[in-house]
Amino acid sequence: MKKSLLPLAVSFALAGLVGCSDDSVKQSPQTKAVTAEASTTSAAAALNFNQYSQQFIDELWVLSPTWALYSGKHVNDGYLDIPNQASRDKTLEFVKQQQMALAQFDPQSLSANELIDYKLLSNLVESMQWEITRFKGWQWDPSNYNVAGGFAQIINEDFAPLDERLTSVI
């Protein structure tokens, strides 16, 4: 699947899950009170998790500007991923920081939507770590060192005037 289609596929999957809730179930007054209290206490945690998840994505785009570019985020077009040991070390440090941040959240206190985001972020971080420490494609797959894709994406995608796109490449 193209990297630019991944966010779209995840969005559709999440939208489908939201539509699966059963609002027709009757609740007793006690259940409603407990639910209201739980939602009030989890609202603060949810706000923090929502802030964290947005911060995570923003930091991910800085860490991987080419991935941001493929996802349609053109804030770091003037930067290029350099596939070297320093880049891998930086990614592993990002992974470590995000694992510690995710550990601060109790998955049981998150709403269903937030729990999905939590698991997606957690799996992404684990995948990033696995790619570098176990899979080690950088050792045996020379295509990891091809940086032309980012240039081609900037030049060929019509997201800004050509002069502006060329300036970001230079």
Protein backbone atom coordinates (compact mmCIF):
# COMPACT_ATOMS: atom_id res chain seq x y z
CA MET A 1 0.00 0.00 0.00
CA LYS A 2 1.32 3.44 -0.83
CA LYS A 3 2.39 5.41 2.21
CA SER A 4 0.05 8.24 1.22
CA LEU A 5 -2.91 5.84 1.33
CA LEU A 6 -2.15 4.52 4.81
CA PRO A 7 -3.58 7.53 6.72
CA LEU A 8 -6.69 7.39 4.53
CA ALA A 9 -7.18 3.67 5.20
CA VAL A 10 -6.73 4.18 8.95
CA SER A 11 -9.24 7.06 8.88
CA PHE A 12 -11.86 4.91 7.16
CA ALA A 13 -11.26 2.07 9.61
CA LEU A 14 -11.66 4.40 12.59
CA ALA A 15 -14.80 5.95 11.11
CA GLY A 16 -16.27 2.48 10.69
CA LEU A 17 -15.54 1.59 14.30
CA VAL A 18 -17.19 4.76 15.57
CA GLY A 19 -20.32 3.83 13.63
CA CYS A 20 -20.46 0.45 15.39
CA SER A 21 -21.56 1.83 18.76
CA ASP A 22 -25.06 0.83 19.91
CA ASP A 23 -26.89 3.90 21.18
CA SER A 24 -30.20 2.02 21.51
CA VAL A 25 -29.14 0.20 24.70
CA LYS A 26 -31.14 1.42 27.72
CA GLN A 27 -29.18 2.49 30.80
CA SER A 28 -30.36 2.70 34.38
CA PRO A 29 -29.96 6.02 36.24
CA GLN A 30 -27.13 4.48 38.30
CA THR A 31 -25.32 3.37 35.16
CA LYS A 32 -25.75 6.85 33.66
CA ALA A 33 -24.32 8.44 36.84
CA VAL A 34 -21.33 6.10 36.90
CA THR A 35 -20.77 6.67 33.18
CA ALA A 36 -20.95 10.45 33.62
CA GLU A 37 -18.49 10.34 36.53
CA ALA A 38 -16.10 8.11 34.61
CA SER A 39 -16.27 10.32 31.56
CA THR A 40 -15.56 13.40 33.69
CA THR A 41 -12.48 11.85 35.28
CA SER A 42 -11.25 10.45 31.99
CA ALA A 43 -11.83 13.78 30.22
CA ALA A 44 -8.68 15.25 31.76
CA ALA A 45 -6.64 12.18 30.85
CA ALA A 46 -8.18 12.20 27.39
CA LEU A 47 -7.25 15.82 26.87
CA ASN A 48 -3.70 14.99 27.86
CA PHE A 49 -3.64 11.95 25.58
CA ASN A 50 -5.09 13.94 22.69
CA GLN A 51 -2.43 16.60 23.22
CA TYR A 52 0.23 13.91 23.41
CA SER A 53 -0.93 12.18 20.23
CA GLN A 54 -0.85 15.47 18.30
CA GLN A 55 2.62 16.21 19.69
CA PHE A 56 3.70 12.69 18.69
CA ILE A 57 2.63 13.25 15.08
CA ASP A 58 4.29 16.68 14.94
CA GLU A 59 7.56 15.23 16.26
CA LEU A 60 7.29 12.29 13.85
CA TRP A 61 7.05 14.67 10.89
CA VAL A 62 10.19 16.46 12.10
CA LEU A 63 12.01 13.14 12.59
CA SER A 64 10.95 11.85 9.17
CA PRO A 65 10.29 14.71 6.76
CA THR A 66 10.07 12.35 3.78
CA TRP A 67 7.30 10.38 5.48
CA ALA A 68 5.53 13.66 6.18
CA LEU A 69 5.92 14.57 2.53
CA TYR A 70 4.41 11.27 1.37
CA SER A 71 1.53 11.84 3.80
CA GLY A 72 0.77 15.26 2.32
CA LYS A 73 2.37 17.31 5.11
CA HIS A 74 4.67 19.81 3.41
CA VAL A 75 6.11 21.66 6.41
CA ASN A 76 9.60 20.14 6.18
CA ASP A 77 10.04 19.83 2.41
CA GLY A 78 13.42 21.53 2.58
CA TYR A 79 14.82 18.69 4.70
CA LEU A 80 15.87 15.23 3.65
CA ASP A 81 16.20 11.98 5.56
CA ILE A 82 19.86 10.96 5.57
CA PRO A 83 19.94 7.17 5.99
CA ASN A 84 22.99 6.85 8.25
CA GLN A 85 23.85 5.69 11.76
CA ALA A 86 23.16 9.12 13.24
CA SER A 87 19.65 9.02 11.78
CA ARG A 88 19.04 5.53 13.17
CA ASP A 89 20.31 6.62 16.59
CA LYS A 90 18.01 9.64 16.48
CA THR A 91 15.08 7.38 15.61
CA LEU A 92 15.90 4.98 18.45
CA GLU A 93 16.06 7.93 20.87
CA PHE A 94 12.65 9.07 19.60
CA VAL A 95 11.34 5.53 20.13
CA LYS A 96 12.69 5.45 23.70
CA GLN A 97 11.12 8.82 24.54
CA GLN A 98 7.77 7.83 23.05
CA GLN A 99 7.72 4.49 24.86
CA MET A 100 8.28 6.32 28.16
CA ALA A 101 5.56 8.84 27.30
CA LEU A 102 3.09 6.11 26.33
CA ALA A 103 3.82 4.28 29.59
CA GLN A 104 2.44 7.32 31.46
CA PHE A 105 -1.07 6.60 30.13
CA ASP A 106 -3.34 3.94 31.56
CA PRO A 107 -4.96 2.28 28.54
CA GLN A 108 -7.95 1.30 30.71
CA SER A 109 -8.77 4.98 31.35
CA LEU A 110 -8.85 5.91 27.66
CA SER A 111 -11.97 6.00 25.53
CA ALA A 112 -12.36 3.46 22.73
CA ASN A 113 -11.12 5.94 20.11
CA GLU A 114 -8.18 6.97 22.26
CA LEU A 115 -7.33 3.34 22.97
CA ILE A 116 -7.18 2.69 19.23
CA ASP A 117 -4.84 5.68 18.82
CA TYR A 118 -2.79 4.48 21.78
CA LYS A 119 -2.36 1.04 20.25
CA LEU A 120 -1.58 2.46 16.81
CA LEU A 121 1.11 4.73 18.26
CA SER A 122 2.50 1.98 20.44
CA ASN A 123 2.67 -0.44 17.52
CA LEU A 124 4.28 2.20 15.30
CA VAL A 125 6.98 2.89 17.88
CA GLU A 126 7.65 -0.83 18.36
CA SER A 127 7.78 -1.29 14.59
CA MET A 128 10.29 1.54 14.21
CA GLN A 129 12.49 -0.06 16.86
CA TRP A 130 12.15 -3.53 15.30
CA GLU A 131 13.04 -2.21 11.83
CA ILE A 132 16.35 -0.83 13.12
CA THR A 133 17.38 -3.38 15.76
CA ARG A 134 16.07 -6.69 14.34
CA PHE A 135 15.16 -6.40 10.66
CA LYS A 136 18.20 -4.24 9.86
CA GLY A 137 17.20 -3.49 6.28
CA TRP A 138 19.82 -0.77 6.26
CA GLN A 139 22.49 -3.52 6.28
CA TRP A 140 21.27 -5.51 3.29
CA ASP A 141 18.75 -3.46 1.26
CA PRO A 142 20.45 -0.79 -0.86
CA SER A 143 17.09 0.82 -1.70
CA ASN A 144 17.11 2.24 1.85
CA TYR A 145 19.78 4.64 0.65
CA ASN A 146 17.83 5.96 -2.34
CA VAL A 147 16.72 9.48 -1.51
CA ALA A 148 15.30 10.30 -4.94
CA GLY A 149 11.70 9.53 -3.91
CA GLY A 150 11.40 12.66 -1.80
CA PHE A 151 12.74 14.84 -4.59
CA ALA A 152 10.38 13.27 -7.12
CA GLN A 153 7.41 13.74 -4.78
CA ILE A 154 8.17 17.44 -4.31
CA ILE A 155 8.74 18.12 -7.99
CA ASN A 156 5.86 16.04 -9.39
CA GLU A 157 3.10 16.68 -6.84
CA ASP A 158 1.13 19.83 -7.57
CA PHE A 159 0.73 21.15 -4.00
CA ALA A 160 2.40 24.52 -4.61
CA PRO A 161 3.70 26.58 -7.53
CA LEU A 162 6.68 24.97 -9.28
CA ASP A 163 9.10 27.75 -8.24
CA GLU A 164 8.21 27.23 -4.59
CA ARG A 165 8.61 23.44 -4.90
CA LEU A 166 11.98 23.81 -6.62
CA THR A 167 13.15 26.23 -3.92
CA SER A 168 12.39 23.65 -1.24
CA VAL A 169 14.51 21.09 -3.12
CA ILE A 170 17.48 23.42 -3.37
